[in-house]
Amino acid sequence: MSQDKSYFFCGIGGSGMLPLASIVRARGHAVAGSDRSLDQGRTPAKFDFLKEMGIPLFPQDGSGITSAAQILVTSAAVEDTVPDVQAALRIGASRSSRAGLLAELVNAAPLSIAVGGTSGKSTVTGMIGWILHRAGRRPTVMNGAVMKNFMTPDAPFASALVGGEDIFVSEVDESDGSIALYEPTVAVLNNISLDHKSMDELHMLFANFVGRAQVAVINLDNAESATLARETHPGRIISYGFAHDASLVGSALTERPDGVDFHVTDRSNGDSVDVHLAVPGRHNASNALAAIGAALACGLSLGEAAAALAAFTGLRRRFERVGTAGGVTVIDDFGHNPDKIAATLATLHAFPGRLRVYFQPHGYGPLRQMKAELIACFVDNLRDGDALILSDPVFYGGTVNREVGSDAIVAGVAAGGRQAEHIPARPDCGDRLVALARPGDRIVVMGARDDTLSTFAADILRRLG
């Protein structure tokens, strides 16, 4: 990445754009941007943070694109009809995808760790970044979620950690196929399950991702990723899991309401250590094993990794406890595909209390792709006495097929014998959640691609008090 370039990020407030813009700005490049949410007055604190970093912000009307020397950076969600894109075409400014720019940074680093998989990418990326940071390795970390360990009053949106240029840690996305751009030193594969693409497409993408890395850290507890492990040369793999044939084996797992404890053994040398996490759930024990595997691939010891993980405080919107009022606990969570939702519900059901689950689908496309799997997920993971409420999917404009909506998911869940309601407008869902809640209940707010869900969860807590 040569110096003295000028980048304009269209959609700069997005979860994958803000941290990338922060890193590019810190490396000495000129950065500006626009965002539809800024124009709509949504999440103003995030944009104030960007301005305080010295990043000029413009309306998303093309007015920020003023020179052919600028490079317009867009995510896959930005359509060609957006005024910024039209302005770049008129003026002759070049264009880069968000993933293409990130891949350029990842592939240029002497040591790069790319974290892939359907679920858990952000948490594992945060864990690896924290382990390397605690070890004094000065990593640069690109995450799709705010990492609580790196939050400060001056950096409330710490989804990026700007360190040196020798180590780059990043989650990488398979949903748009851009995972094919990365050639990491270490590839971490958490799991493979249905999300945005068919299983055949996912298998091919992840097989190639693992094949391009020097070392692959692969989960044997997931059947699909275990299949890829068997197809990969054993000399290139650090396998992990609670399966006994993994090279990094977890055992003696004990769940706590505020964390999870387990033992890990490195079968390559016999080293072992107890791990104590301050984030709950069996899925986070698996995430920790992935992070430990990546740390070992970077030359750290098992003890160093475990000690750092004990101080890992998690990510925003990943099973984040908002608070308790009137005997009801409110949790804000990113769950939006069957695997993520199932993991959150299993963590909650490890302890007593009814669930009042609010789910805002993150688009009509995912509902169409995952209709049957979402219905099965809720039927299998909700219990008698639980209640599920779905609003209409999040929608910010553009062309979309609305053939499958939230009402179809609710009908399927109800047919499976679970209590489920479709209430189109989110404010009305909030009213219903508050009306249903009783002392001892847990309300969990689930969904992706909408930062205002955290505000919604906080407002429910306020009303319960």
Protein backbone atom coordinates (compact mmCIF):
# COMPACT_ATOMS: atom_id res chain seq x y z
CA MET A 1 0.00 0.00 0.00
CA SER A 2 1.89 3.06 -1.28
CA GLN A 3 1.83 6.34 0.60
CA ASP A 4 -0.03 9.58 0.09
CA LYS A 5 -3.25 8.22 -1.35
CA SER A 6 -6.66 9.76 -0.83
CA TYR A 7 -9.52 7.40 0.02
CA PHE A 8 -13.23 8.16 0.16
CA PHE A 9 -15.29 5.56 2.06
CA CYS A 10 -18.91 5.38 0.92
CA GLY A 11 -20.76 3.92 3.92
CA ILE A 12 -17.94 4.79 6.30
CA GLY A 13 -20.03 4.02 9.40
CA GLY A 14 -20.48 0.36 8.48
CA SER A 15 -19.08 -2.31 10.78
CA GLY A 16 -16.51 -3.32 8.18
CA MET A 17 -15.76 0.19 6.93
CA LEU A 18 -15.16 2.23 10.09
CA PRO A 19 -12.23 0.10 11.37
CA LEU A 20 -10.65 -0.09 7.91
CA ALA A 21 -10.91 3.69 7.51
CA SER A 22 -9.33 4.09 10.96
CA ILE A 23 -6.37 1.89 10.03
CA VAL A 24 -5.84 3.56 6.64
CA ARG A 25 -6.00 7.01 8.28
CA ALA A 26 -3.49 5.97 10.95
CA ARG A 27 -1.08 4.84 8.24
CA GLY A 28 -0.88 8.35 6.90
CA HIS A 29 -3.40 8.40 4.07
CA ALA A 30 -6.07 11.01 3.51
CA VAL A 31 -9.49 9.61 4.40
CA ALA A 32 -12.97 11.08 4.00
CA GLY A 33 -16.37 9.49 3.77
CA SER A 34 -20.15 9.54 3.63
CA ASP A 35 -22.92 7.43 5.08
CA ARG A 36 -26.66 7.15 4.62
CA SER A 37 -27.06 6.77 8.39
CA LEU A 38 -25.30 10.11 8.87
CA ASP A 39 -27.76 11.74 6.48
CA GLN A 40 -30.66 10.17 8.38
CA GLY A 41 -29.36 11.30 11.77
CA ARG A 42 -28.82 7.74 13.01
CA THR A 43 -26.01 6.78 15.48
CA PRO A 44 -24.52 10.31 15.64
CA ALA A 45 -21.89 9.33 18.25
CA LYS A 46 -20.17 7.07 15.75
CA PHE A 47 -19.80 9.89 13.25
CA ASP A 48 -18.60 12.30 15.92
CA PHE A 49 -15.88 9.76 16.68
CA LEU A 50 -14.79 9.72 13.04
CA LYS A 51 -14.73 13.52 12.89
CA GLU A 52 -12.60 13.64 16.02
CA MET A 53 -10.10 11.39 14.23
CA GLY A 54 -9.76 14.09 11.59
CA ILE A 55 -11.89 12.34 8.97
CA PRO A 56 -14.12 14.78 7.01
CA LEU A 57 -17.66 13.55 6.43
CA PHE A 58 -19.99 14.52 3.59
CA PRO A 59 -23.62 13.90 2.63
CA GLN A 60 -24.01 10.81 0.48
CA ASP A 61 -24.85 12.95 -2.52
CA GLY A 62 -21.56 12.84 -4.45
CA SER A 63 -20.30 16.15 -3.07
CA GLY A 64 -17.32 14.50 -1.38
CA ILE A 65 -15.90 13.15 -4.65
CA THR A 66 -14.04 16.09 -6.11
CA SER A 67 -10.84 14.71 -7.68
CA ALA A 68 -9.88 11.93 -10.03
CA ALA A 69 -7.01 11.21 -7.64
CA GLN A 70 -9.45 9.98 -5.00
CA ILE A 71 -10.08 6.26 -4.56
CA LEU A 72 -13.71 5.43 -3.81
CA VAL A 73 -14.03 2.52 -1.38
CA THR A 74 -17.36 0.71 -1.30
CA SER A 75 -18.75 -2.43 0.30
CA ALA A 76 -20.72 -5.06 -1.58
CA ALA A 77 -23.93 -3.44 -0.30
CA VAL A 78 -23.33 -0.18 -2.21
CA GLU A 79 -25.16 -0.15 -5.54
CA ASP A 80 -23.99 1.69 -8.65
CA THR A 81 -26.95 4.06 -8.41
CA VAL A 82 -25.59 5.65 -5.20
CA PRO A 83 -24.63 9.30 -5.94
CA ASP A 84 -21.05 8.85 -4.69
CA VAL A 85 -20.50 6.06 -7.21
CA GLN A 86 -22.04 8.13 -9.98
CA ALA A 87 -19.81 11.08 -9.06
CA ALA A 88 -16.70 8.87 -9.15
CA LEU A 89 -17.66 7.61 -12.60
CA ARG A 90 -18.19 11.16 -13.90
CA ILE A 91 -14.93 12.52 -12.53
CA GLY A 92 -12.81 9.47 -13.38
CA ALA A 93 -11.94 8.50 -9.80
CA SER A 94 -10.86 4.89 -9.34
CA ARG A 95 -12.83 2.47 -7.20
CA SER A 96 -11.81 -0.23 -4.73
CA SER A 97 -13.94 -2.70 -2.85
CA ARG A 98 -13.69 -2.73 0.94
CA ALA A 99 -12.51 -6.33 0.80
CA GLY A 100 -9.94 -5.56 -1.89
CA LEU A 101 -8.37 -2.79 0.18
CA LEU A 102 -8.36 -4.95 3.30
CA ALA A 103 -6.81 -7.86 1.41
CA GLU A 104 -4.05 -5.55 0.23
CA LEU A 105 -3.20 -4.76 3.86
CA VAL A 106 -3.49 -8.35 5.07
CA ASN A 107 -1.42 -9.83 2.26
CA ALA A 108 1.33 -7.21 2.66
CA ALA A 109 1.94 -8.01 6.35
CA PRO A 110 4.93 -10.28 7.13
CA LEU A 111 2.68 -12.18 9.55
CA SER A 112 -1.04 -12.18 8.83
CA ILE A 113 -3.81 -14.04 10.64
CA ALA A 114 -7.15 -14.24 8.83
CA VAL A 115 -10.16 -15.57 10.70
CA GLY A 116 -12.92 -17.19 8.66
CA GLY A 117 -16.03 -19.26 9.27
CA THR A 118 -19.77 -18.80 9.43
CA SER A 119 -19.86 -17.92 13.13
CA GLY A 120 -17.47 -16.60 15.77
CA LYS A 121 -15.13 -14.65 13.49
CA SER A 122 -15.31 -11.37 15.37
CA THR A 123 -14.84 -12.94 18.80
CA VAL A 124 -11.90 -15.07 17.70
CA THR A 125 -10.32 -12.06 15.98
CA GLY A 126 -10.70 -10.04 19.19
CA MET A 127 -9.23 -12.87 21.27
CA ILE A 128 -6.21 -13.27 18.99
CA GLY A 129 -5.64 -9.52 18.91
CA TRP A 130 -5.79 -9.33 22.70
CA ILE A 131 -3.39 -12.28 23.18
CA LEU A 132 -0.83 -10.76 20.80
CA HIS A 133 -1.28 -7.30 22.34
CA ARG A 134 -0.70 -8.66 25.83
CA ALA A 135 2.42 -10.43 24.56
CA GLY A 136 3.83 -7.11 23.34
CA ARG A 137 3.66 -8.05 19.66
CA ARG A 138 1.92 -4.77 18.61
CA PRO A 139 -0.63 -6.28 16.19
CA THR A 140 -2.90 -4.27 13.98
CA VAL A 141 -6.40 -5.70 14.33
CA MET A 142 -9.34 -5.25 11.99
CA ASN A 143 -12.63 -6.40 13.49
CA GLY A 144 -16.29 -6.17 12.59
CA ALA A 145 -17.26 -5.49 16.22
CA VAL A 146 -16.12 -3.18 19.00
CA MET A 147 -13.49 -4.90 21.17
CA LYS A 148 -14.14 -4.01 24.81
CA ASN A 149 -10.52 -4.56 25.84
CA PHE A 150 -9.44 -1.70 23.60
CA MET A 151 -12.26 0.74 24.40
CA THR A 152 -11.27 4.00 26.06
CA PRO A 153 -13.09 7.32 26.53
CA ASP A 154 -11.26 8.52 23.42
CA ALA A 155 -11.94 5.32 21.46
CA PRO A 156 -15.50 4.17 22.19
CA PHE A 157 -15.77 2.47 18.79
CA ALA A 158 -12.66 0.31 19.06
CA SER A 159 -13.32 -2.13 16.23
CA ALA A 160 -9.75 -1.51 15.08
CA LEU A 161 -6.47 -1.62 16.96
CA VAL A 162 -3.69 0.25 15.22
CA GLY A 163 -0.35 -1.36 16.00
CA GLY A 164 2.70 -1.98 13.87
CA GLU A 165 2.79 -3.14 10.27
CA ASP A 166 4.44 -6.52 10.92
CA ILE A 167 1.37 -8.38 12.27
CA PHE A 168 -2.13 -7.97 10.87
CA VAL A 169 -5.12 -9.81 12.34
CA SER A 170 -8.47 -9.62 10.57
CA GLU A 171 -11.76 -11.41 10.23
CA VAL A 172 -12.54 -12.18 6.59
CA ASP A 173 -15.94 -12.52 4.98
CA GLU A 174 -17.29 -15.37 2.91
CA SER A 175 -20.76 -13.92 2.34
CA ASP A 176 -19.75 -11.98 -0.79
CA GLY A 177 -17.02 -14.41 -1.88
CA SER A 178 -14.27 -11.92 -1.03
CA ILE A 179 -12.52 -14.45 1.22
CA ALA A 180 -10.91 -15.60 -2.04
CA LEU A 181 -8.74 -12.45 -2.02
CA TYR A 182 -6.74 -13.31 1.11
CA GLU A 183 -3.42 -15.14 1.31
CA PRO A 184 -2.71 -15.24 5.05
CA THR A 185 0.19 -16.72 6.93
CA VAL A 186 -2.29 -18.30 9.35
CA ALA A 187 -5.87 -19.14 8.35
CA VAL A 188 -8.35 -19.85 11.16
CA LEU A 189 -11.50 -21.76 10.23
CA ASN A 190 -14.10 -21.79 13.01
CA ASN A 191 -16.95 -23.63 11.33
CA ILE A 192 -19.02 -23.92 8.18
CA SER A 193 -22.81 -23.74 8.16
CA LEU A 194 -25.55 -22.28 6.01
CA ASP A 195 -25.69 -18.49 5.91
CA HIS A 196 -25.50 -16.40 2.75
CA LYS A 197 -24.36 -19.10 0.29
CA SER A 198 -25.06 -22.74 -0.46
CA MET A 199 -23.03 -25.38 1.37
CA ASP A 200 -21.26 -26.38 -1.86
CA GLU A 201 -20.16 -22.79 -2.46
CA LEU A 202 -19.02 -22.41 1.15
CA HIS A 203 -17.02 -25.64 1.06
CA MET A 204 -15.17 -24.48 -2.04
CA LEU A 205 -14.47 -20.99 -0.67
CA PHE A 206 -13.18 -22.25 2.66
CA ALA A 207 -11.14 -25.07 1.10
CA ASN A 208 -9.31 -22.54 -1.08
CA PHE A 209 -8.92 -20.16 1.88
CA VAL A 210 -7.25 -22.87 3.97
CA GLY A 211 -5.18 -24.02 1.00
CA ARG A 212 -3.57 -20.61 0.49
CA ALA A 213 -2.31 -20.32 4.08
CA GLN A 214 1.00 -21.54 5.46
CA VAL A 215 -0.73 -22.79 8.62
CA ALA A 216 -4.41 -23.66 9.05
CA VAL A 217 -6.13 -23.68 12.45
CA ILE A 218 -9.27 -25.79 11.97
CA ASN A 219 -12.19 -26.79 14.21
CA LEU A 220 -12.78 -30.56 14.33
CA ASP A 221 -16.01 -30.24 16.33
CA ASN A 222 -17.80 -28.89 13.24
CA ALA A 223 -18.47 -31.65 10.70
CA GLU A 224 -17.96 -29.46 7.63
CA SER A 225 -14.69 -27.89 8.76
CA ALA A 226 -13.48 -31.31 9.96
CA THR A 227 -13.98 -32.55 6.40
CA LEU A 228 -11.67 -29.80 5.15
CA ALA A 229 -9.12 -30.73 7.81
CA ARG A 230 -9.00 -34.28 6.45
CA GLU A 231 -8.40 -32.87 2.97
CA THR A 232 -5.46 -30.70 4.13
CA HIS A 233 -1.88 -31.90 4.63
CA PRO A 234 -1.47 -32.73 8.34
CA GLY A 235 1.85 -30.88 8.51
CA ARG A 236 0.03 -27.58 7.87
CA ILE A 237 -2.75 -27.98 10.43
CA ILE A 238 -3.30 -27.10 14.06
CA SER A 239 -6.62 -28.82 14.74
CA TYR A 240 -8.68 -27.93 17.77
CA GLY A 241 -11.84 -28.97 19.52
CA PHE A 242 -13.32 -31.03 22.29
CA ALA A 243 -12.96 -34.03 19.98
CA HIS A 244 -10.22 -36.34 21.23
CA ASP A 245 -8.43 -36.54 17.88
CA ALA A 246 -7.69 -32.79 17.76
CA SER A 247 -4.11 -31.65 18.29
CA LEU A 248 -5.36 -28.93 20.67
CA VAL A 249 -7.94 -30.64 22.89
CA GLY A 250 -10.39 -29.02 25.28
CA SER A 251 -11.91 -30.95 28.17
CA ALA A 252 -13.60 -30.61 31.58
CA LEU A 253 -15.81 -27.73 30.49
CA THR A 254 -17.85 -25.99 33.18
CA GLU A 255 -20.28 -23.20 32.38
CA ARG A 256 -20.87 -20.20 34.67
CA PRO A 257 -23.48 -17.46 34.19
CA ASP A 258 -20.65 -14.99 33.57
CA GLY A 259 -18.06 -17.23 31.93
CA VAL A 260 -16.77 -20.71 31.20
CA ASP A 261 -13.83 -22.80 32.44
CA PHE A 262 -12.10 -25.67 30.68
CA HIS A 263 -8.79 -27.52 30.41
CA VAL A 264 -6.72 -27.57 27.21
CA THR A 265 -3.94 -29.94 26.21
CA ASP A 266 -1.50 -29.51 23.34
CA ARG A 267 -1.05 -33.09 22.15
CA SER A 268 2.00 -32.14 20.08
CA ASN A 269 4.12 -31.64 23.20
CA GLY A 270 1.96 -32.62 26.18
CA ASP A 271 1.63 -29.08 27.58
CA SER A 272 -1.67 -28.34 29.32
CA VAL A 273 -3.32 -25.45 31.12
CA ASP A 274 -6.64 -24.40 32.66
CA VAL A 275 -8.51 -21.62 30.85
CA HIS A 276 -10.91 -19.30 32.65
CA LEU A 277 -13.01 -17.06 30.40
CA ALA A 278 -15.04 -14.04 31.49
CA VAL A 279 -17.41 -14.52 28.52
CA PRO A 280 -20.08 -17.25 28.79
CA GLY A 281 -21.06 -20.17 26.59
CA ARG A 282 -19.66 -23.39 25.18
CA HIS A 283 -19.25 -21.60 21.85
CA ASN A 284 -16.81 -19.17 23.47
CA ALA A 285 -14.75 -22.09 24.78
CA SER A 286 -14.48 -23.22 21.15
CA ASN A 287 -13.61 -19.66 20.09
CA ALA A 288 -10.86 -19.58 22.74
CA LEU A 289 -9.38 -22.85 21.42
CA ALA A 290 -9.23 -21.29 17.95
CA ALA A 291 -7.46 -18.21 19.32
CA ILE A 292 -5.01 -20.36 21.28
CA GLY A 293 -4.24 -22.31 18.11
CA ALA A 294 -3.50 -19.10 16.23
CA ALA A 295 -1.31 -17.88 19.11
CA LEU A 296 0.70 -21.10 19.01
CA ALA A 297 1.12 -20.67 15.24
CA CYS A 298 2.58 -17.21 15.99
CA GLY A 299 5.16 -18.66 18.39
CA LEU A 300 3.47 -17.91 21.73
CA SER A 301 3.15 -20.46 24.51
CA LEU A 302 0.00 -22.15 25.76
CA GLY A 303 0.43 -20.43 29.14
CA GLU A 304 0.76 -16.97 27.58
CA ALA A 305 -2.42 -17.45 25.57
CA ALA A 306 -4.45 -18.77 28.51
CA ALA A 307 -3.32 -15.96 30.82
CA ALA A 308 -4.31 -13.31 28.28
CA LEU A 309 -7.71 -14.90 27.65
CA ALA A 310 -8.55 -14.70 31.35
CA ALA A 311 -8.59 -10.91 30.92
CA PHE A 312 -10.55 -10.91 27.64
CA THR A 313 -13.75 -8.94 28.22
CA GLY A 314 -15.57 -9.66 24.97
CA LEU A 315 -17.15 -7.63 22.20
CA ARG A 316 -20.05 -5.24 21.99
CA ARG A 317 -23.28 -6.94 20.94
CA ARG A 318 -21.89 -10.45 21.50
CA PHE A 319 -24.05 -11.77 24.33
CA GLU A 320 -23.68 -8.35 25.95
CA ARG A 321 -25.52 -7.93 29.23
CA VAL A 322 -27.23 -4.54 29.05
CA GLY A 323 -28.46 -4.70 32.65
CA THR A 324 -31.21 -5.92 34.96
CA ALA A 325 -34.33 -4.03 36.02
CA GLY A 326 -37.43 -5.28 37.77
CA GLY A 327 -35.87 -8.72 37.99
CA VAL A 328 -35.56 -8.96 34.19
CA THR A 329 -32.16 -9.14 32.49
CA VAL A 330 -31.73 -7.64 29.00
CA ILE A 331 -29.07 -9.02 26.65
CA ASP A 332 -27.96 -7.49 23.33
CA ASP A 333 -26.70 -10.05 20.81
CA PHE A 334 -25.51 -10.20 17.20
CA GLY A 335 -27.19 -13.57 16.52
CA HIS A 336 -28.64 -13.58 13.01
CA ASN A 337 -28.00 -17.00 11.46
CA PRO A 338 -29.03 -20.41 12.79
CA ASP A 339 -25.63 -21.27 14.31
CA LYS A 340 -25.26 -17.96 16.14
CA ILE A 341 -28.84 -17.97 17.37
CA ALA A 342 -28.58 -21.57 18.59
CA ALA A 343 -25.35 -20.81 20.48
CA THR A 344 -26.91 -17.84 22.26
CA LEU A 345 -30.10 -19.71 23.19
CA ALA A 346 -28.09 -22.70 24.45
CA THR A 347 -25.98 -20.40 26.63
CA LEU A 348 -29.12 -18.83 28.09
CA HIS A 349 -30.82 -22.16 28.67
CA ALA A 350 -27.85 -23.46 30.66
CA PHE A 351 -29.42 -21.54 33.55
CA PRO A 352 -33.04 -21.07 34.76
CA GLY A 353 -35.43 -18.45 33.44
CA ARG A 354 -37.86 -17.94 30.58
CA LEU A 355 -36.69 -16.24 27.37
CA ARG A 356 -38.37 -13.36 25.58
CA VAL A 357 -36.53 -13.33 22.26
CA TYR A 358 -36.73 -10.42 19.83
CA PHE A 359 -35.26 -11.10 16.40
CA GLN A 360 -34.89 -8.50 13.65
CA PRO A 361 -33.79 -10.31 10.45
CA HIS A 362 -30.92 -8.56 8.70
CA GLY A 363 -32.51 -8.66 5.27
CA TYR A 364 -35.05 -10.35 3.04
CA GLY A 365 -32.34 -12.24 1.15
CA PRO A 366 -31.09 -14.10 4.25
CA LEU A 367 -34.68 -15.01 5.17
CA ARG A 368 -35.20 -16.52 1.74
CA GLN A 369 -31.88 -18.39 1.91
CA MET A 370 -32.28 -19.69 5.47
CA LYS A 371 -36.06 -19.97 5.94
CA ALA A 372 -36.20 -23.67 6.79
CA GLU A 373 -33.04 -23.57 8.90
CA LEU A 374 -34.19 -20.53 10.91
CA ILE A 375 -37.54 -22.15 11.63
CA ALA A 376 -35.84 -25.37 12.76
CA CYS A 377 -33.38 -23.40 14.88
CA PHE A 378 -36.09 -21.65 16.85
CA VAL A 379 -38.28 -24.76 17.18
CA ASP A 380 -35.32 -26.79 18.45
CA ASN A 381 -33.82 -24.19 20.78
CA LEU A 382 -36.83 -22.46 22.33
CA ARG A 383 -38.55 -24.14 25.26
CA ASP A 384 -42.04 -24.21 26.71
CA GLY A 385 -42.72 -20.81 28.26
CA ASP A 386 -40.35 -18.95 25.93
CA ALA A 387 -41.69 -16.38 23.48
CA LEU A 388 -40.31 -15.25 20.12
CA ILE A 389 -41.18 -11.92 18.47
CA LEU A 390 -40.06 -10.99 14.96
CA SER A 391 -40.32 -7.57 13.39
CA ASP A 392 -39.97 -7.00 9.67
CA PRO A 393 -36.38 -7.28 8.34
CA VAL A 394 -34.08 -4.29 8.44
CA PHE A 395 -34.28 -2.41 5.13
CA TYR A 396 -32.30 0.67 4.09
CA GLY A 397 -33.43 0.93 0.48
CA GLY A 398 -32.38 -0.58 -2.81
CA THR A 399 -33.82 -3.43 -4.83
CA VAL A 400 -34.94 -6.48 -2.89
CA ASN A 401 -37.10 -9.58 -3.31
CA ARG A 402 -39.65 -9.64 -0.47
CA GLU A 403 -41.02 -13.06 -1.31
CA VAL A 404 -40.16 -14.43 2.16
CA GLY A 405 -40.79 -12.20 5.17
CA SER A 406 -40.83 -12.49 8.94
CA ASP A 407 -44.43 -13.71 8.90
CA ALA A 408 -43.29 -16.90 7.14
CA ILE A 409 -40.72 -17.63 9.84
CA VAL A 410 -43.26 -17.03 12.62
CA ALA A 411 -45.81 -19.30 10.94
CA GLY A 412 -43.26 -22.10 10.75
CA VAL A 413 -42.12 -21.69 14.34
CA ALA A 414 -45.70 -21.61 15.61
CA ALA A 415 -46.49 -24.74 13.58
CA GLY A 416 -43.58 -26.37 15.40
CA GLY A 417 -45.29 -25.79 18.72
CA ARG A 418 -43.44 -22.70 19.94
CA GLN A 419 -44.90 -19.33 20.93
CA ALA A 420 -44.08 -16.86 18.16
CA GLU A 421 -45.52 -13.55 16.98
CA HIS A 422 -44.93 -11.30 13.98
CA ILE A 423 -45.23 -7.63 14.88
CA PRO A 424 -44.08 -5.57 11.85
CA ALA A 425 -42.91 -2.36 13.60
CA ARG A 426 -40.02 -2.51 16.06
CA PRO A 427 -41.45 0.00 18.58
CA ASP A 428 -44.53 -2.20 18.91
CA CYS A 429 -42.25 -5.17 19.51
CA GLY A 430 -40.70 -3.28 22.39
CA ASP A 431 -44.14 -2.70 23.91
CA ARG A 432 -44.92 -6.39 23.64
CA LEU A 433 -41.61 -7.48 25.20
CA VAL A 434 -42.11 -5.19 28.19
CA ALA A 435 -45.69 -6.44 28.61
CA LEU A 436 -44.59 -10.10 28.54
CA ALA A 437 -41.64 -9.75 30.93
CA ARG A 438 -41.83 -11.03 34.49
CA PRO A 439 -39.14 -11.24 37.21
CA GLY A 440 -36.66 -13.97 36.39
CA ASP A 441 -37.10 -13.63 32.60
CA ARG A 442 -34.31 -12.83 30.17
CA ILE A 443 -35.01 -10.57 27.19
CA VAL A 444 -32.55 -11.03 24.34
CA VAL A 445 -32.41 -8.62 21.41
CA MET A 446 -30.98 -10.27 18.29
CA GLY A 447 -30.02 -9.04 14.85
CA ALA A 448 -27.25 -7.67 12.64
CA ARG A 449 -26.50 -4.72 10.36
CA ASP A 450 -28.32 -2.24 12.58
CA ASP A 451 -26.43 -0.32 15.26
CA THR A 452 -29.69 1.05 16.68
CA LEU A 453 -30.55 -2.38 18.10
CA SER A 454 -28.31 -1.52 21.06
CA THR A 455 -30.36 1.64 21.64
CA PHE A 456 -33.53 -0.45 21.40
CA ALA A 457 -32.20 -2.89 24.03
CA ALA A 458 -31.20 -0.04 26.35
CA ASP A 459 -34.64 1.53 25.99
CA ILE A 460 -36.32 -1.76 26.97
CA LEU A 461 -34.15 -1.89 30.08
CA ARG A 462 -35.10 1.69 30.95
CA ARG A 463 -38.80 0.89 30.60
CA LEU A 464 -38.50 -2.19 32.81
CA GLY A 465 -37.09 -0.03 35.61
